[in-house]
Structure formats: C-alpha cells, structure tokens
Amino acid sequence: MAETIEVKSEKLKGKSDKKKFLETGRRALKEAIMVARAGNRAGHISKVIQDIIEKEGGYSIVRTLVGHGVGRQLHEEPEIPGFLRRAGSDTPKLLENMTVAIEVIYTMGKHDVLLADDGWTIRTKDGSLSGLFERTVAITQDSPIVLTSGG
C-alpha cells in the first residue's frame, strides 16, 4: 500500500493545483479497484487509470513502473500498467482468488522518470511533481476486496 500526501514546502509554493493532482490519483485508484473483478482483464484496470489521469490535461502515467500480481513473490504476473500497451482484450484475464497490486503512478508533467545512483530513488526527468496511490486487492466474482488501506 502506498499513498502520496501533501507536504508543505517553500519549493512547492505556487503549485495551487497539487490538491487537484492528488485527488485525481485517489479517484483513479478508487475507480480502477471497482473493475478488478474475475472475468475482467488487466487492461480494464489500465484503461480506467489512463482515462482519469490523462483527462485532466498535462498529467502523465509513468510507463516504466506498473502494478502487478502478488503471491509467493511480491512482483508476479500479471503486470497491470496504468496505461494500455495493446488492446484491452489482449491483456491477462483476472481470475477469482488472484491478488494484485493496483498502482496509479503519475506525474504533473511528462512520463519519463530517472533512477538515482542509490538504486532506489526515482524522480521525474522534467522535475514535475509525481504521485503514487496503491492498494493490494483480492479478485472475486463480486466486489473486489481491498487487503491494504490507508490509515
């Protein structure tokens, strides 16, 4: 589970739309979770995220970081990108009892990110703000079950 929160900073002064930016990410995650049902496809989740984020204009989905299956290993198949790489019907089918991490990873600018020399820190190439909202979800025939939540 991950959640971006607003931090007061002189550096961010004048970024009056950061509240809207964060609300957009939360909304994209909430709507994406609702389509995480057995019989749907990973692409259904991807499309919801992409549509909501990109509709706001100027926001971009990070292409190199994606949601994923969670099982014996933390990062398993299926990959669940926040954007459609191919037709939704060609993406993996969501199966009952599958567990996935749905991740909305996006920026206020372009989608390119850079990995720092420490091998962990990631920042946007253009210096724009970024956000991440993630929940782990169990797939069922009915409503998805959110296994992680913000406090």
C-alpha atoms as a PDB file:
ATOM      1  CA  MET A   1       0.000   0.000   0.000  1.00  0.00           C
ATOM      2  CA  ALA A   2       1.302   3.422  -0.854  1.00  0.00           C
ATOM      3  CA  GLU A   3      -0.228   6.851  -0.703  1.00  0.00           C
ATOM      4  CA  THR A   4       1.138  10.248  -1.688  1.00  0.00           C
ATOM      5  CA  ILE A   5       0.419  13.005   0.789  1.00  0.00           C
ATOM      6  CA  GLU A   6       0.839  16.752   0.524  1.00  0.00           C
ATOM      7  CA  VAL A   7       3.901  18.223   2.205  1.00  0.00           C
ATOM      8  CA  LYS A   8       4.067  21.955   2.855  1.00  0.00           C
ATOM      9  CA  SER A   9       7.215  23.333   1.276  1.00  0.00           C
ATOM     10  CA  GLU A  10       8.527  26.675   0.053  1.00  0.00           C
ATOM     11  CA  LYS A  11       9.772  24.823  -3.046  1.00  0.00           C
ATOM     12  CA  LEU A  12       6.188  23.816  -3.888  1.00  0.00           C
ATOM     13  CA  LYS A  13       4.728  27.271  -3.239  1.00  0.00           C
ATOM     14  CA  GLY A  14       2.518  28.361  -6.104  1.00  0.00           C
ATOM     15  CA  LYS A  15       1.577  24.802  -7.075  1.00  0.00           C
ATOM     16  CA  SER A  16      -2.070  25.558  -6.337  1.00  0.00           C
ATOM     17  CA  ASP A  17      -3.276  22.617  -8.378  1.00  0.00           C
ATOM     18  CA  LYS A  18      -1.436  19.980  -6.303  1.00  0.00           C
ATOM     19  CA  LYS A  19      -4.639  19.282  -4.345  1.00  0.00           C
ATOM     20  CA  LYS A  20      -6.453  18.544  -7.622  1.00  0.00           C
ATOM     21  CA  PHE A  21      -3.478  16.415  -8.718  1.00  0.00           C
ATOM     22  CA  LEU A  22      -3.677  14.246  -5.592  1.00  0.00           C
ATOM     23  CA  GLU A  23      -7.480  13.985  -5.730  1.00  0.00           C
ATOM     24  CA  THR A  24      -7.191  12.780  -9.339  1.00  0.00           C
ATOM     25  CA  GLY A  25      -4.822   9.967  -8.304  1.00  0.00           C
ATOM     26  CA  ARG A  26      -7.104   8.886  -5.454  1.00  0.00           C
ATOM     27  CA  ARG A  27     -10.115   8.870  -7.791  1.00  0.00           C
ATOM     28  CA  ALA A  28      -8.240   6.854 -10.427  1.00  0.00           C
ATOM     29  CA  LEU A  29      -7.297   4.232  -7.828  1.00  0.00           C
ATOM     30  CA  LYS A  30     -10.844   4.003  -6.456  1.00  0.00           C
ATOM     31  CA  GLU A  31     -12.367   3.585  -9.928  1.00  0.00           C
ATOM     32  CA  ALA A  32      -9.677   1.096 -11.019  1.00  0.00           C
ATOM     33  CA  ILE A  33     -10.359  -1.080  -7.977  1.00  0.00           C
ATOM     34  CA  MET A  34     -14.054  -1.246  -8.909  1.00  0.00           C
ATOM     35  CA  VAL A  35     -13.262  -3.012 -12.228  1.00  0.00           C
ATOM     36  CA  ALA A  36     -10.895  -5.517 -10.583  1.00  0.00           C
ATOM     37  CA  ARG A  37     -13.312  -8.458 -10.844  1.00  0.00           C
ATOM     38  CA  ALA A  38     -12.990 -12.022 -12.057  1.00  0.00           C
ATOM     39  CA  GLY A  39     -13.612 -12.193 -15.802  1.00  0.00           C
ATOM     40  CA  ASN A  40     -12.380  -8.678 -16.492  1.00  0.00           C
ATOM     41  CA  ARG A  41      -8.878  -8.108 -17.829  1.00  0.00           C
ATOM     42  CA  ALA A  42      -5.828  -6.237 -16.592  1.00  0.00           C
ATOM     43  CA  GLY A  43      -6.480  -3.820 -19.453  1.00  0.00           C
ATOM     44  CA  HIS A  44      -9.788  -2.785 -17.901  1.00  0.00           C
ATOM     45  CA  ILE A  45      -7.867  -1.521 -14.864  1.00  0.00           C
ATOM     46  CA  SER A  46      -5.231   0.111 -17.080  1.00  0.00           C
ATOM     47  CA  LYS A  47      -7.833   1.932 -19.175  1.00  0.00           C
ATOM     48  CA  VAL A  48      -9.647   3.365 -16.160  1.00  0.00           C
ATOM     49  CA  ILE A  49      -6.398   4.705 -14.707  1.00  0.00           C
ATOM     50  CA  GLN A  50      -5.223   6.167 -18.024  1.00  0.00           C
ATOM     51  CA  ASP A  51      -8.565   7.756 -18.842  1.00  0.00           C
ATOM     52  CA  ILE A  52      -8.893   9.507 -15.480  1.00  0.00           C
ATOM     53  CA  ILE A  53      -5.286  10.698 -15.230  1.00  0.00           C
ATOM     54  CA  GLU A  54      -4.859  11.877 -18.817  1.00  0.00           C
ATOM     55  CA  LYS A  55      -8.293  13.529 -18.958  1.00  0.00           C
ATOM     56  CA  GLU A  56      -7.031  16.175 -16.536  1.00  0.00           C
ATOM     57  CA  GLY A  57      -4.627  17.511 -19.176  1.00  0.00           C
ATOM     58  CA  GLY A  58      -0.919  17.745 -18.551  1.00  0.00           C
ATOM     59  CA  TYR A  59      -0.793  14.709 -16.274  1.00  0.00           C
ATOM     60  CA  SER A  60       1.023  11.585 -17.492  1.00  0.00           C
ATOM     61  CA  ILE A  61       1.181   7.928 -16.497  1.00  0.00           C
ATOM     62  CA  VAL A  62       4.696   6.691 -15.717  1.00  0.00           C
ATOM     63  CA  ARG A  63       5.378   3.954 -18.280  1.00  0.00           C
ATOM     64  CA  THR A  64       8.274   2.136 -16.605  1.00  0.00           C
ATOM     65  CA  LEU A  65       6.589   1.310 -13.277  1.00  0.00           C
ATOM     66  CA  VAL A  66       3.482  -0.868 -13.165  1.00  0.00           C
ATOM     67  CA  GLY A  67       1.074  -2.696 -10.902  1.00  0.00           C
ATOM     68  CA  HIS A  68       1.456  -6.455 -10.642  1.00  0.00           C
ATOM     69  CA  GLY A  69       0.309  -9.744  -9.233  1.00  0.00           C
ATOM     70  CA  VAL A  70       1.115 -10.543  -5.602  1.00  0.00           C
ATOM     71  CA  GLY A  71       1.657 -14.130  -4.473  1.00  0.00           C
ATOM     72  CA  ARG A  72       4.611 -16.124  -3.242  1.00  0.00           C
ATOM     73  CA  GLN A  73       6.753 -13.312  -4.635  1.00  0.00           C
ATOM     74  CA  LEU A  74       5.977  -9.615  -4.308  1.00  0.00           C
ATOM     75  CA  HIS A  75       6.104  -8.889  -8.055  1.00  0.00           C
ATOM     76  CA  GLU A  76       4.376 -11.564 -10.122  1.00  0.00           C
ATOM     77  CA  GLU A  77       2.310 -11.783 -13.276  1.00  0.00           C
ATOM     78  CA  PRO A  78       0.092 -10.268 -14.403  1.00  0.00           C
ATOM     79  CA  GLU A  79       1.577  -6.848 -14.999  1.00  0.00           C
ATOM     80  CA  ILE A  80      -1.042  -4.136 -14.590  1.00  0.00           C
ATOM     81  CA  PRO A  81       0.230  -0.928 -16.169  1.00  0.00           C
ATOM     82  CA  GLY A  82      -1.577   2.356 -15.640  1.00  0.00           C
ATOM     83  CA  PHE A  83      -1.947   2.665 -19.408  1.00  0.00           C
ATOM     84  CA  LEU A  84      -2.898   0.411 -22.302  1.00  0.00           C
ATOM     85  CA  ARG A  85       0.061  -1.037 -24.210  1.00  0.00           C
ATOM     86  CA  ARG A  86      -2.223  -3.048 -26.507  1.00  0.00           C
ATOM     87  CA  ALA A  87      -5.923  -3.752 -26.910  1.00  0.00           C
ATOM     88  CA  GLY A  88      -7.575  -4.462 -23.563  1.00  0.00           C
ATOM     89  CA  SER A  89      -8.877  -7.776 -24.896  1.00  0.00           C
ATOM     90  CA  ASP A  90      -5.236  -8.902 -25.361  1.00  0.00           C
ATOM     91  CA  THR A  91      -4.315  -8.352 -21.716  1.00  0.00           C
ATOM     92  CA  PRO A  92      -4.310 -11.032 -18.989  1.00  0.00           C
ATOM     93  CA  LYS A  93      -7.649 -12.182 -17.640  1.00  0.00           C
ATOM     94  CA  LEU A  94      -8.334 -11.531 -13.962  1.00  0.00           C
ATOM     95  CA  LEU A  95      -9.101 -14.805 -12.188  1.00  0.00           C
ATOM     96  CA  GLU A  96     -11.025 -15.411  -8.994  1.00  0.00           C
ATOM     97  CA  ASN A  97      -8.732 -15.531  -5.914  1.00  0.00           C
ATOM     98  CA  MET A  98      -5.922 -13.726  -7.752  1.00  0.00           C
ATOM     99  CA  THR A  99      -4.263 -10.984  -5.703  1.00  0.00           C
ATOM    100  CA  VAL A 100      -2.956  -7.862  -7.453  1.00  0.00           C
ATOM    101  CA  ALA A 101      -1.326  -4.565  -6.579  1.00  0.00           C
ATOM    102  CA  ILE A 102      -3.141  -1.787  -8.419  1.00  0.00           C
ATOM    103  CA  GLU A 103      -0.800   1.190  -8.731  1.00  0.00           C
ATOM    104  CA  VAL A 104      -1.549   4.664 -10.033  1.00  0.00           C
ATOM    105  CA  ILE A 105       1.901   6.144 -10.736  1.00  0.00           C
ATOM    106  CA  TYR A 106       1.711   9.501 -12.496  1.00  0.00           C
ATOM    107  CA  THR A 107       3.251  12.945 -12.895  1.00  0.00           C
ATOM    108  CA  MET A 108       2.177  16.539 -13.389  1.00  0.00           C
ATOM    109  CA  GLY A 109       4.431  16.655 -16.439  1.00  0.00           C
ATOM    110  CA  LYS A 110       5.917  14.098 -18.811  1.00  0.00           C
ATOM    111  CA  HIS A 111       6.006  10.395 -18.012  1.00  0.00           C
ATOM    112  CA  ASP A 112       9.797   9.943 -18.040  1.00  0.00           C
ATOM    113  CA  VAL A 113      11.488   9.051 -14.738  1.00  0.00           C
ATOM    114  CA  LEU A 114      15.111   8.535 -13.715  1.00  0.00           C
ATOM    115  CA  LEU A 115      16.633   6.114 -11.217  1.00  0.00           C
ATOM    116  CA  ALA A 116      19.186   7.734  -8.888  1.00  0.00           C
ATOM    117  CA  ASP A 117      22.649   6.310  -8.236  1.00  0.00           C
ATOM    118  CA  ASP A 118      21.427   4.843  -4.933  1.00  0.00           C
ATOM    119  CA  GLY A 119      19.414   2.311  -6.984  1.00  0.00           C
ATOM    120  CA  TRP A 120      16.197   3.187  -5.159  1.00  0.00           C
ATOM    121  CA  THR A 121      15.202   6.842  -5.512  1.00  0.00           C
ATOM    122  CA  ILE A 122      13.144   7.681  -8.581  1.00  0.00           C
ATOM    123  CA  ARG A 123      12.412  11.216  -9.760  1.00  0.00           C
ATOM    124  CA  THR A 124      10.747  12.743 -12.777  1.00  0.00           C
ATOM    125  CA  LYS A 125      13.075  13.667 -15.617  1.00  0.00           C
ATOM    126  CA  ASP A 126      11.394  17.056 -16.090  1.00  0.00           C
ATOM    127  CA  GLY A 127      11.319  17.902 -12.372  1.00  0.00           C
ATOM    128  CA  SER A 128       7.500  17.802 -12.203  1.00  0.00           C
ATOM    129  CA  LEU A 129       5.606  16.535  -9.178  1.00  0.00           C
ATOM    130  CA  SER A 130       4.683  12.869  -9.106  1.00  0.00           C
ATOM    131  CA  GLY A 131       2.171  10.776  -7.220  1.00  0.00           C
ATOM    132  CA  LEU A 132       1.605   7.143  -6.279  1.00  0.00           C
ATOM    133  CA  PHE A 133      -1.538   5.517  -4.948  1.00  0.00           C
ATOM    134  CA  GLU A 134      -1.506   1.734  -4.479  1.00  0.00           C
ATOM    135  CA  ARG A 135      -3.666  -0.938  -2.895  1.00  0.00           C
ATOM    136  CA  THR A 136      -3.443  -4.718  -2.866  1.00  0.00           C
ATOM    137  CA  VAL A 137      -6.736  -6.259  -3.968  1.00  0.00           C
ATOM    138  CA  ALA A 138      -8.175  -9.787  -3.975  1.00  0.00           C
ATOM    139  CA  ILE A 139     -10.146 -10.601  -7.107  1.00  0.00           C
ATOM    140  CA  THR A 140     -13.603 -12.150  -6.611  1.00  0.00           C
ATOM    141  CA  GLN A 141     -16.668 -12.692  -8.770  1.00  0.00           C
ATOM    142  CA  ASP A 142     -18.415  -9.929  -6.843  1.00  0.00           C
ATOM    143  CA  SER A 143     -16.811  -6.861  -5.325  1.00  0.00           C
ATOM    144  CA  PRO A 144     -13.019  -6.710  -5.112  1.00  0.00           C
ATOM    145  CA  ILE A 145     -11.614  -6.996  -1.589  1.00  0.00           C
ATOM    146  CA  VAL A 146      -9.083  -4.307  -0.661  1.00  0.00           C
ATOM    147  CA  LEU A 147      -6.458  -6.022   1.503  1.00  0.00           C
ATOM    148  CA  THR A 148      -4.430  -2.898   2.308  1.00  0.00           C
ATOM    149  CA  SER A 149      -5.732   0.525   3.201  1.00  0.00           C
ATOM    150  CA  GLY A 150      -4.586   3.947   4.320  1.00  0.00           C
ATOM    151  CA  GLY A 151      -4.845   4.772   7.987  1.00  0.00           C
END
